[in-house]
Amino acid sequence: MVRRTIEASDVESPAQLAGLLDERSYLADEGLVTAAFLALRMGRPLLIEGEAGVGKTELARTLAEVLGAPLIRLQCYEGLDASQALYDWDFARQLLHLKAAEAGGVTDAARLEGEVYDRRFLIARPLLKAIETQPSVLLIDEVDRADVEFEAILLEVLSDFAISVPELGTIRAARPPVVVLTSNRTREVHDALKRRCLYHWLEHPSFEREVAILRRRLPECSGILAEQVATATGRLRTADLIKPPGIAETLDWTEALLTLGARELDPDVAAASLGALLKHREDHETVLGNGFFGASRR
């Protein structure tokens, strides 16, 4: 099947966007589709918060496919700074250039300084790369993991879509990227950054939507197995677990069940494949110790 791509400005309705996402097996609910549509049409960043594994990052990837644009990802983490997010200078190449120039008899300091701070020695990090690439989708992933101070850098870039390089001047986006920020809410994102964005809280999918996602992404999964898996994961999300499963883990678990030849969910195969669903030893003990899947036949 030929998948359509479209310019962001040409997306005419949430329903049209939902169809384009659906073609790529991303089944979004009405609230998320509407938020994404408004972000595209209004040219505003979209901040999506929610539990890990509910499909926040996947939305950005799928939007990039819909728009036929490269996905440029900035993975946030504690200690992330401007040189890793904006740009840096290639000091090794600059030094080599200086040595070559000096060996060639060039001694004019002003000339050498101008040459070493040439654009060809500038390393574009994700934020600068997104500004220089048209069109593009910029994913600022897990912004809550970065230090609070880093948000000031983001706010400045997202306000003007411009980056100032003292040696070269200001680099502006001829066409601002589509921006998606995600947060697992390990801490609150500052209000100033939130005000710059449109906001959506992404819940775990409903039972019906989770079944539909499983059937779409894993066509070999029977309706019975999909319903049993969705029922089990729905119950697990209400249990006292360190990390309840998201849709990403549900897909992994279902694929593991299919790999083991399961056509229906039974206690033995569920226990054997639990490592695809739960990633903490304590959660395994809680689930298996409480007989969550019923009595084993072994």
C-alpha atoms as a PDB file:
ATOM      1  CA  MET A   1       0.000   0.000   0.000  1.00  0.00           C
ATOM      2  CA  VAL A   2       1.296   3.459  -0.946  1.00  0.00           C
ATOM      3  CA  ARG A   3       1.298   5.676   2.108  1.00  0.00           C
ATOM      4  CA  ARG A   4       0.442   9.310   1.563  1.00  0.00           C
ATOM      5  CA  THR A   5       2.625  12.094   2.899  1.00  0.00           C
ATOM      6  CA  ILE A   6       1.412  15.633   3.402  1.00  0.00           C
ATOM      7  CA  GLU A   7       2.634  19.103   4.328  1.00  0.00           C
ATOM      8  CA  ALA A   8       1.793  20.143   7.877  1.00  0.00           C
ATOM      9  CA  SER A   9      -0.098  23.185   6.581  1.00  0.00           C
ATOM     10  CA  ASP A  10      -2.224  20.964   4.344  1.00  0.00           C
ATOM     11  CA  VAL A  11      -3.660  18.821   7.144  1.00  0.00           C
ATOM     12  CA  GLU A  12      -7.266  20.005   7.101  1.00  0.00           C
ATOM     13  CA  SER A  13      -8.875  18.234  10.046  1.00  0.00           C
ATOM     14  CA  PRO A  14      -8.226  15.922  12.987  1.00  0.00           C
ATOM     15  CA  ALA A  15     -10.087  13.205  11.106  1.00  0.00           C
ATOM     16  CA  GLN A  16      -7.690  13.485   8.164  1.00  0.00           C
ATOM     17  CA  LEU A  17      -4.691  13.293  10.485  1.00  0.00           C
ATOM     18  CA  ALA A  18      -6.200  10.289  12.274  1.00  0.00           C
ATOM     19  CA  GLY A  19      -6.487   8.527   8.925  1.00  0.00           C
ATOM     20  CA  LEU A  20      -2.869   9.267   8.040  1.00  0.00           C
ATOM     21  CA  LEU A  21      -1.700   7.966  11.414  1.00  0.00           C
ATOM     22  CA  ASP A  22      -3.952   4.922  11.053  1.00  0.00           C
ATOM     23  CA  GLU A  23      -2.317   4.080   7.709  1.00  0.00           C
ATOM     24  CA  ARG A  24       0.918   3.703   9.664  1.00  0.00           C
ATOM     25  CA  SER A  25      -0.691   1.560  12.380  1.00  0.00           C
ATOM     26  CA  TYR A  26      -0.751   4.326  14.992  1.00  0.00           C
ATOM     27  CA  LEU A  27      -4.255   4.269  16.442  1.00  0.00           C
ATOM     28  CA  ALA A  28      -4.666   7.498  18.378  1.00  0.00           C
ATOM     29  CA  ASP A  29      -7.686   8.583  20.364  1.00  0.00           C
ATOM     30  CA  GLU A  30      -9.608  11.741  19.525  1.00  0.00           C
ATOM     31  CA  GLY A  31      -7.925  13.872  22.171  1.00  0.00           C
ATOM     32  CA  LEU A  32      -4.393  13.088  21.020  1.00  0.00           C
ATOM     33  CA  VAL A  33      -5.244  13.512  17.342  1.00  0.00           C
ATOM     34  CA  THR A  34      -6.845  16.885  18.023  1.00  0.00           C
ATOM     35  CA  ALA A  35      -3.825  18.070  20.025  1.00  0.00           C
ATOM     36  CA  ALA A  36      -1.443  16.966  17.253  1.00  0.00           C
ATOM     37  CA  PHE A  37      -3.614  18.608  14.576  1.00  0.00           C
ATOM     38  CA  LEU A  38      -3.671  21.908  16.454  1.00  0.00           C
ATOM     39  CA  ALA A  39       0.094  21.781  16.965  1.00  0.00           C
ATOM     40  CA  LEU A  40       0.612  21.290  13.226  1.00  0.00           C
ATOM     41  CA  ARG A  41      -1.773  24.025  12.147  1.00  0.00           C
ATOM     42  CA  MET A  42      -0.814  26.554  14.813  1.00  0.00           C
ATOM     43  CA  GLY A  43       2.917  25.922  14.505  1.00  0.00           C
ATOM     44  CA  ARG A  44       3.242  25.265  18.234  1.00  0.00           C
ATOM     45  CA  PRO A  45       5.321  22.642  20.049  1.00  0.00           C
ATOM     46  CA  LEU A  46       3.289  19.773  21.507  1.00  0.00           C
ATOM     47  CA  LEU A  47       4.161  18.606  25.023  1.00  0.00           C
ATOM     48  CA  ILE A  48       2.881  15.098  25.708  1.00  0.00           C
ATOM     49  CA  GLU A  49       3.035  13.758  29.248  1.00  0.00           C
ATOM     50  CA  GLY A  50       2.136  10.269  30.377  1.00  0.00           C
ATOM     51  CA  GLU A  51       3.441   7.018  31.770  1.00  0.00           C
ATOM     52  CA  ALA A  52       6.393   5.397  30.013  1.00  0.00           C
ATOM     53  CA  GLY A  53       5.383   3.129  27.155  1.00  0.00           C
ATOM     54  CA  VAL A  54       2.039   4.710  26.247  1.00  0.00           C
ATOM     55  CA  GLY A  55       3.127   5.813  22.750  1.00  0.00           C
ATOM     56  CA  LYS A  56       4.457   9.357  23.173  1.00  0.00           C
ATOM     57  CA  THR A  57       7.705   8.847  21.283  1.00  0.00           C
ATOM     58  CA  GLU A  58       5.995   6.694  18.676  1.00  0.00           C
ATOM     59  CA  LEU A  59       3.646   9.562  17.830  1.00  0.00           C
ATOM     60  CA  ALA A  60       6.613  11.760  16.881  1.00  0.00           C
ATOM     61  CA  ARG A  61       8.069   8.990  14.731  1.00  0.00           C
ATOM     62  CA  THR A  62       4.750   8.455  12.994  1.00  0.00           C
ATOM     63  CA  LEU A  63       4.203  12.178  12.422  1.00  0.00           C
ATOM     64  CA  ALA A  64       7.607  12.307  10.723  1.00  0.00           C
ATOM     65  CA  GLU A  65       6.473   9.511   8.401  1.00  0.00           C
ATOM     66  CA  VAL A  66       3.185  11.286   7.690  1.00  0.00           C
ATOM     67  CA  LEU A  67       5.009  14.503   6.803  1.00  0.00           C
ATOM     68  CA  GLY A  68       7.767  12.750   4.852  1.00  0.00           C
ATOM     69  CA  ALA A  69      10.278  14.534   7.080  1.00  0.00           C
ATOM     70  CA  PRO A  70      13.353  13.319   8.960  1.00  0.00           C
ATOM     71  CA  LEU A  71      12.951  12.736  12.686  1.00  0.00           C
ATOM     72  CA  ILE A  72      15.638  14.558  14.664  1.00  0.00           C
ATOM     73  CA  ARG A  73      15.776  13.350  18.256  1.00  0.00           C
ATOM     74  CA  LEU A  74      17.217  15.049  21.305  1.00  0.00           C
ATOM     75  CA  GLN A  75      17.317  12.491  24.119  1.00  0.00           C
ATOM     76  CA  CYS A  76      17.327  14.369  27.396  1.00  0.00           C
ATOM     77  CA  TYR A  77      19.255  13.273  30.471  1.00  0.00           C
ATOM     78  CA  GLU A  78      20.689  14.765  33.636  1.00  0.00           C
ATOM     79  CA  GLY A  79      23.665  16.980  32.826  1.00  0.00           C
ATOM     80  CA  LEU A  80      22.641  17.708  29.219  1.00  0.00           C
ATOM     81  CA  ASP A  81      24.081  21.079  28.223  1.00  0.00           C
ATOM     82  CA  ALA A  82      24.148  23.500  25.306  1.00  0.00           C
ATOM     83  CA  SER A  83      27.188  21.945  23.612  1.00  0.00           C
ATOM     84  CA  GLN A  84      25.355  18.619  23.403  1.00  0.00           C
ATOM     85  CA  ALA A  85      21.992  20.052  22.371  1.00  0.00           C
ATOM     86  CA  LEU A  86      22.796  23.122  20.248  1.00  0.00           C
ATOM     87  CA  TYR A  87      26.224  22.995  18.620  1.00  0.00           C
ATOM     88  CA  ASP A  88      29.905  22.469  19.287  1.00  0.00           C
ATOM     89  CA  TRP A  89      33.143  23.209  17.505  1.00  0.00           C
ATOM     90  CA  ASP A  90      35.235  20.418  16.019  1.00  0.00           C
ATOM     91  CA  PHE A  91      38.390  21.262  17.949  1.00  0.00           C
ATOM     92  CA  ALA A  92      40.432  18.411  16.478  1.00  0.00           C
ATOM     93  CA  ARG A  93      39.814  19.603  12.901  1.00  0.00           C
ATOM     94  CA  GLN A  94      40.378  23.226  13.905  1.00  0.00           C
ATOM     95  CA  LEU A  95      43.758  22.309  15.390  1.00  0.00           C
ATOM     96  CA  LEU A  96      44.744  20.382  12.281  1.00  0.00           C
ATOM     97  CA  HIS A  97      43.787  23.377  10.146  1.00  0.00           C
ATOM     98  CA  LEU A  98      45.900  25.702  12.290  1.00  0.00           C
ATOM     99  CA  LYS A  99      48.913  23.414  12.060  1.00  0.00           C
ATOM    100  CA  ALA A 100      48.535  23.101   8.294  1.00  0.00           C
ATOM    101  CA  ALA A 101      48.182  26.868   7.916  1.00  0.00           C
ATOM    102  CA  GLU A 102      51.238  27.549  10.062  1.00  0.00           C
ATOM    103  CA  ALA A 103      53.218  24.969   8.124  1.00  0.00           C
ATOM    104  CA  GLY A 104      52.219  26.819   4.974  1.00  0.00           C
ATOM    105  CA  GLY A 105      53.564  30.069   6.350  1.00  0.00           C
ATOM    106  CA  VAL A 106      50.268  31.716   7.318  1.00  0.00           C
ATOM    107  CA  THR A 107      50.842  33.865  10.423  1.00  0.00           C
ATOM    108  CA  ASP A 108      48.036  36.442  10.207  1.00  0.00           C
ATOM    109  CA  ALA A 109      46.183  35.896  13.501  1.00  0.00           C
ATOM    110  CA  ALA A 110      42.955  37.543  12.344  1.00  0.00           C
ATOM    111  CA  ARG A 111      42.887  35.443   9.196  1.00  0.00           C
ATOM    112  CA  LEU A 112      43.554  32.250  11.136  1.00  0.00           C
ATOM    113  CA  GLU A 113      40.825  33.026  13.642  1.00  0.00           C
ATOM    114  CA  GLY A 114      38.353  33.645  10.830  1.00  0.00           C
ATOM    115  CA  GLU A 115      39.307  30.388   9.166  1.00  0.00           C
ATOM    116  CA  VAL A 116      39.076  28.152  12.248  1.00  0.00           C
ATOM    117  CA  TYR A 117      35.643  29.523  13.117  1.00  0.00           C
ATOM    118  CA  ASP A 118      34.307  28.749   9.674  1.00  0.00           C
ATOM    119  CA  ARG A 119      30.951  27.000   9.304  1.00  0.00           C
ATOM    120  CA  ARG A 120      32.607  23.791   8.132  1.00  0.00           C
ATOM    121  CA  PHE A 121      34.049  23.277  11.628  1.00  0.00           C
ATOM    122  CA  LEU A 122      30.693  23.700  13.369  1.00  0.00           C
ATOM    123  CA  ILE A 123      29.074  20.473  14.609  1.00  0.00           C
ATOM    124  CA  ALA A 124      25.295  20.760  14.513  1.00  0.00           C
ATOM    125  CA  ARG A 125      23.662  19.070  17.484  1.00  0.00           C
ATOM    126  CA  PRO A 126      19.952  18.116  17.381  1.00  0.00           C
ATOM    127  CA  LEU A 127      18.457  21.577  18.015  1.00  0.00           C
ATOM    128  CA  LEU A 128      20.599  23.312  15.396  1.00  0.00           C
ATOM    129  CA  LYS A 129      20.159  20.410  12.996  1.00  0.00           C
ATOM    130  CA  ALA A 130      16.374  20.714  13.271  1.00  0.00           C
ATOM    131  CA  ILE A 131      16.507  24.456  12.619  1.00  0.00           C
ATOM    132  CA  GLU A 132      18.635  23.939   9.510  1.00  0.00           C
ATOM    133  CA  THR A 133      16.633  20.996   8.127  1.00  0.00           C
ATOM    134  CA  GLN A 134      13.383  21.743   6.285  1.00  0.00           C
ATOM    135  CA  PRO A 135      11.035  20.101   6.803  1.00  0.00           C
ATOM    136  CA  SER A 136      11.828  18.189   9.976  1.00  0.00           C
ATOM    137  CA  VAL A 137      10.208  16.796  13.099  1.00  0.00           C
ATOM    138  CA  LEU A 138      12.124  17.544  16.291  1.00  0.00           C
ATOM    139  CA  LEU A 139      11.553  15.092  19.134  1.00  0.00           C
ATOM    140  CA  ILE A 140      12.716  16.372  22.526  1.00  0.00           C
ATOM    141  CA  ASP A 141      12.380  13.111  24.397  1.00  0.00           C
ATOM    142  CA  GLU A 142      11.960  12.811  28.174  1.00  0.00           C
ATOM    143  CA  VAL A 143      12.477  16.511  28.821  1.00  0.00           C
ATOM    144  CA  ASP A 144      11.770  15.886  32.511  1.00  0.00           C
ATOM    145  CA  ARG A 145      15.096  14.032  32.794  1.00  0.00           C
ATOM    146  CA  ALA A 146      17.102  17.139  31.901  1.00  0.00           C
ATOM    147  CA  ASP A 147      18.089  19.678  34.529  1.00  0.00           C
ATOM    148  CA  VAL A 148      15.702  22.554  35.179  1.00  0.00           C
ATOM    149  CA  GLU A 149      18.357  24.990  33.907  1.00  0.00           C
ATOM    150  CA  PHE A 150      18.296  23.320  30.498  1.00  0.00           C
ATOM    151  CA  GLU A 151      14.675  24.352  30.039  1.00  0.00           C
ATOM    152  CA  ALA A 152      15.822  27.969  29.650  1.00  0.00           C
ATOM    153  CA  ILE A 153      17.846  26.929  26.598  1.00  0.00           C
ATOM    154  CA  LEU A 154      14.854  25.104  25.147  1.00  0.00           C
ATOM    155  CA  LEU A 155      12.540  28.017  25.805  1.00  0.00           C
ATOM    156  CA  GLU A 156      14.819  30.423  23.957  1.00  0.00           C
ATOM    157  CA  VAL A 157      15.141  28.140  20.935  1.00  0.00           C
ATOM    158  CA  LEU A 158      11.436  27.280  20.774  1.00  0.00           C
ATOM    159  CA  SER A 159      10.428  30.940  21.063  1.00  0.00           C
ATOM    160  CA  ASP A 160      12.293  32.143  17.972  1.00  0.00           C
ATOM    161  CA  PHE A 161      13.569  28.973  16.282  1.00  0.00           C
ATOM    162  CA  ALA A 162      16.927  30.693  16.097  1.00  0.00           C
ATOM    163  CA  ILE A 163      20.331  29.919  17.576  1.00  0.00           C
ATOM    164  CA  SER A 164      23.041  32.503  18.110  1.00  0.00           C
ATOM    165  CA  VAL A 165      26.604  31.418  17.360  1.00  0.00           C
ATOM    166  CA  PRO A 166      28.870  34.306  18.445  1.00  0.00           C
ATOM    167  CA  GLU A 167      31.525  33.556  15.815  1.00  0.00           C
ATOM    168  CA  LEU A 168      29.015  33.233  12.949  1.00  0.00           C
ATOM    169  CA  GLY A 169      25.893  35.176  13.888  1.00  0.00           C
ATOM    170  CA  THR A 170      22.311  34.031  14.300  1.00  0.00           C
ATOM    171  CA  ILE A 171      21.075  30.963  12.456  1.00  0.00           C
ATOM    172  CA  ARG A 172      17.316  31.064  11.891  1.00  0.00           C
ATOM    173  CA  ALA A 173      14.925  28.426  10.679  1.00  0.00           C
ATOM    174  CA  ALA A 174      13.594  29.212   7.215  1.00  0.00           C
ATOM    175  CA  ARG A 175      10.779  26.865   8.134  1.00  0.00           C
ATOM    176  CA  PRO A 176      10.302  25.954  11.810  1.00  0.00           C
ATOM    177  CA  PRO A 177      10.321  22.240  12.585  1.00  0.00           C
ATOM    178  CA  VAL A 178       7.354  20.362  13.970  1.00  0.00           C
ATOM    179  CA  VAL A 179       8.252  19.932  17.642  1.00  0.00           C
ATOM    180  CA  VAL A 180       7.105  17.175  19.997  1.00  0.00           C
ATOM    181  CA  LEU A 181       8.285  17.130  23.611  1.00  0.00           C
ATOM    182  CA  THR A 182       7.647  14.123  25.828  1.00  0.00           C
ATOM    183  CA  SER A 183       7.726  13.782  29.592  1.00  0.00           C
ATOM    184  CA  ASN A 184       7.233  10.830  31.932  1.00  0.00           C
ATOM    185  CA  ARG A 185       6.596  13.384  34.680  1.00  0.00           C
ATOM    186  CA  THR A 186       9.462  12.328  36.918  1.00  0.00           C
ATOM    187  CA  ARG A 187       9.438  16.038  37.768  1.00  0.00           C
ATOM    188  CA  GLU A 188       7.260  18.982  36.808  1.00  0.00           C
ATOM    189  CA  VAL A 189       8.188  20.795  33.611  1.00  0.00           C
ATOM    190  CA  HIS A 190       8.476  24.533  34.278  1.00  0.00           C
ATOM    191  CA  ASP A 191       5.377  26.622  33.589  1.00  0.00           C
ATOM    192  CA  ALA A 192       7.279  28.918  31.210  1.00  0.00           C
ATOM    193  CA  LEU A 193       8.034  26.013  28.883  1.00  0.00           C
ATOM    194  CA  LYS A 194       4.502  24.658  29.214  1.00  0.00           C
ATOM    195  CA  ARG A 195       3.080  28.042  28.188  1.00  0.00           C
ATOM    196  CA  ARG A 196       5.050  27.868  24.946  1.00  0.00           C
ATOM    197  CA  CYS A 197       3.509  24.481  24.107  1.00  0.00           C
ATOM    198  CA  LEU A 198       0.173  22.871  23.510  1.00  0.00           C
ATOM    199  CA  TYR A 199      -0.350  20.133  26.091  1.00  0.00           C
ATOM    200  CA  HIS A 200      -1.816  16.634  26.144  1.00  0.00           C
ATOM    201  CA  TRP A 201      -1.850  13.968  28.831  1.00  0.00           C
ATOM    202  CA  LEU A 202      -1.690  10.551  27.163  1.00  0.00           C
ATOM    203  CA  GLU A 203      -3.449   7.776  29.043  1.00  0.00           C
ATOM    204  CA  HIS A 204      -3.034   4.062  28.583  1.00  0.00           C
ATOM    205  CA  PRO A 205      -5.334   2.933  25.757  1.00  0.00           C
ATOM    206  CA  SER A 206      -8.824   1.702  26.492  1.00  0.00           C
ATOM    207  CA  PHE A 207      -9.485  -2.035  26.324  1.00  0.00           C
ATOM    208  CA  GLU A 208     -11.017  -1.729  22.846  1.00  0.00           C
ATOM    209  CA  ARG A 209      -8.195   0.419  21.519  1.00  0.00           C
ATOM    210  CA  GLU A 210      -5.531  -1.870  22.967  1.00  0.00           C
ATOM    211  CA  VAL A 211      -7.148  -4.886  21.297  1.00  0.00           C
ATOM    212  CA  ALA A 212      -7.270  -2.961  18.010  1.00  0.00           C
ATOM    213  CA  ILE A 213      -3.598  -1.974  18.342  1.00  0.00           C
ATOM    214  CA  LEU A 214      -2.561  -5.576  18.988  1.00  0.00           C
ATOM    215  CA  ARG A 215      -4.532  -6.857  16.012  1.00  0.00           C
ATOM    216  CA  ARG A 216      -3.142  -4.133  13.745  1.00  0.00           C
ATOM    217  CA  ARG A 217       0.497  -4.351  14.797  1.00  0.00           C
ATOM    218  CA  LEU A 218       0.536  -8.146  15.140  1.00  0.00           C
ATOM    219  CA  PRO A 219      -1.866  -9.503  12.496  1.00  0.00           C
ATOM    220  CA  GLU A 220      -1.113 -13.107  13.490  1.00  0.00           C
ATOM    221  CA  CYS A 221      -2.565 -12.446  16.951  1.00  0.00           C
ATOM    222  CA  SER A 222      -6.037 -13.977  17.292  1.00  0.00           C
ATOM    223  CA  GLY A 223      -8.936 -11.959  18.609  1.00  0.00           C
ATOM    224  CA  ILE A 224      -9.160 -14.198  21.667  1.00  0.00           C
ATOM    225  CA  LEU A 225      -5.488 -13.771  22.566  1.00  0.00           C
ATOM    226  CA  ALA A 226      -5.622 -10.008  21.979  1.00  0.00           C
ATOM    227  CA  GLU A 227      -8.609  -9.675  24.308  1.00  0.00           C
ATOM    228  CA  GLN A 228      -7.005 -11.867  26.969  1.00  0.00           C
ATOM    229  CA  VAL A 229      -3.756  -9.900  26.824  1.00  0.00           C
ATOM    230  CA  ALA A 230      -5.567  -6.547  26.972  1.00  0.00           C
ATOM    231  CA  THR A 231      -7.610  -7.753  29.938  1.00  0.00           C
ATOM    232  CA  ALA A 232      -4.483  -8.941  31.768  1.00  0.00           C
ATOM    233  CA  THR A 233      -2.489  -5.767  31.153  1.00  0.00           C
ATOM    234  CA  GLY A 234      -5.466  -3.633  32.130  1.00  0.00           C
ATOM    235  CA  ARG A 235      -5.627  -5.435  35.477  1.00  0.00           C
ATOM    236  CA  LEU A 236      -1.865  -5.156  35.959  1.00  0.00           C
ATOM    237  CA  ARG A 237      -2.070  -1.372  35.546  1.00  0.00           C
ATOM    238  CA  THR A 238      -4.273  -1.217  38.624  1.00  0.00           C
ATOM    239  CA  ALA A 239      -1.986  -3.488  40.671  1.00  0.00           C
ATOM    240  CA  ASP A 240       0.684  -2.288  43.086  1.00  0.00           C
ATOM    241  CA  LEU A 241       3.631  -2.567  40.698  1.00  0.00           C
ATOM    242  CA  ILE A 242       6.848  -0.583  40.404  1.00  0.00           C
ATOM    243  CA  LYS A 243       6.352  -0.221  36.651  1.00  0.00           C
ATOM    244  CA  PRO A 244       2.949  -1.177  35.234  1.00  0.00           C
ATOM    245  CA  PRO A 245       3.115  -2.216  31.566  1.00  0.00           C
ATOM    246  CA  GLY A 246       2.514   0.294  28.789  1.00  0.00           C
ATOM    247  CA  ILE A 247       1.393  -0.485  25.266  1.00  0.00           C
ATOM    248  CA  ALA A 248       5.039  -0.979  24.234  1.00  0.00           C
ATOM    249  CA  GLU A 249       5.415  -3.788  26.784  1.00  0.00           C
ATOM    250  CA  THR A 250       2.029  -5.213  25.809  1.00  0.00           C
ATOM    251  CA  LEU A 251       3.199  -5.515  22.211  1.00  0.00           C
ATOM    252  CA  ASP A 252       6.472  -7.134  23.310  1.00  0.00           C
ATOM    253  CA  TRP A 253       4.616  -9.600  25.509  1.00  0.00           C
ATOM    254  CA  THR A 254       2.140 -10.525  22.802  1.00  0.00           C
ATOM    255  CA  GLU A 255       4.974 -11.075  20.335  1.00  0.00           C
ATOM    256  CA  ALA A 256       6.695 -13.302  22.908  1.00  0.00           C
ATOM    257  CA  LEU A 257       3.478 -15.279  23.426  1.00  0.00           C
ATOM    258  CA  LEU A 258       3.116 -15.775  19.680  1.00  0.00           C
ATOM    259  CA  THR A 259       6.760 -16.829  19.415  1.00  0.00           C
ATOM    260  CA  LEU A 260       6.047 -19.486  22.054  1.00  0.00           C
ATOM    261  CA  GLY A 261       3.135 -20.719  19.968  1.00  0.00           C
ATOM    262  CA  ALA A 262       0.366 -19.439  22.239  1.00  0.00           C
ATOM    263  CA  ARG A 263      -3.084 -19.015  20.770  1.00  0.00           C
ATOM    264  CA  GLU A 264      -4.714 -18.322  24.117  1.00  0.00           C
ATOM    265  CA  LEU A 265      -3.327 -17.047  27.405  1.00  0.00           C
ATOM    266  CA  ASP A 266      -2.722 -19.735  30.018  1.00  0.00           C
ATOM    267  CA  PRO A 267      -0.827 -19.540  33.343  1.00  0.00           C
ATOM    268  CA  ASP A 268       2.219 -21.480  32.189  1.00  0.00           C
ATOM    269  CA  VAL A 269       2.943 -19.519  29.025  1.00  0.00           C
ATOM    270  CA  ALA A 270       2.098 -16.239  30.781  1.00  0.00           C
ATOM    271  CA  ALA A 271       4.626 -16.946  33.544  1.00  0.00           C
ATOM    272  CA  ALA A 272       7.273 -18.138  31.087  1.00  0.00           C
ATOM    273  CA  SER A 273       7.057 -14.945  29.038  1.00  0.00           C
ATOM    274  CA  LEU A 274       6.642 -12.468  31.890  1.00  0.00           C
ATOM    275  CA  GLY A 275      10.087 -10.970  31.289  1.00  0.00           C
ATOM    276  CA  ALA A 276       8.761  -9.372  28.109  1.00  0.00           C
ATOM    277  CA  LEU A 277       6.073  -7.555  30.092  1.00  0.00           C
ATOM    278  CA  LEU A 278       7.487  -6.656  33.506  1.00  0.00           C
ATOM    279  CA  LYS A 279      11.048  -5.438  34.005  1.00  0.00           C
ATOM    280  CA  HIS A 280      11.405  -5.471  37.806  1.00  0.00           C
ATOM    281  CA  ARG A 281      12.044  -8.558  39.929  1.00  0.00           C
ATOM    282  CA  GLU A 282       9.687  -7.270  42.612  1.00  0.00           C
ATOM    283  CA  ASP A 283       6.874  -7.009  40.067  1.00  0.00           C
ATOM    284  CA  HIS A 284       7.463 -10.609  38.965  1.00  0.00           C
ATOM    285  CA  GLU A 285       7.236 -11.727  42.582  1.00  0.00           C
ATOM    286  CA  THR A 286       4.050  -9.734  43.143  1.00  0.00           C
ATOM    287  CA  VAL A 287       2.320 -11.117  40.064  1.00  0.00           C
ATOM    288  CA  LEU A 288       3.415 -14.732  40.376  1.00  0.00           C
ATOM    289  CA  GLY A 289       3.101 -14.812  44.162  1.00  0.00           C
ATOM    290  CA  ASN A 290      -0.506 -13.644  43.999  1.00  0.00           C
ATOM    291  CA  GLY A 291      -1.434 -16.191  41.336  1.00  0.00           C
ATOM    292  CA  PHE A 292      -2.406 -13.392  38.986  1.00  0.00           C
ATOM    293  CA  PHE A 293      -2.698 -15.674  35.952  1.00  0.00           C
ATOM    294  CA  GLY A 294      -4.340 -18.533  37.833  1.00  0.00           C
ATOM    295  CA  ALA A 295      -2.975 -21.925  38.837  1.00  0.00           C
ATOM    296  CA  SER A 296      -0.225 -23.482  36.744  1.00  0.00           C
ATOM    297  CA  ARG A 297      -0.882 -26.901  35.247  1.00  0.00           C
ATOM    298  CA  ARG A 298       2.715 -27.943  35.918  1.00  0.00           C
END
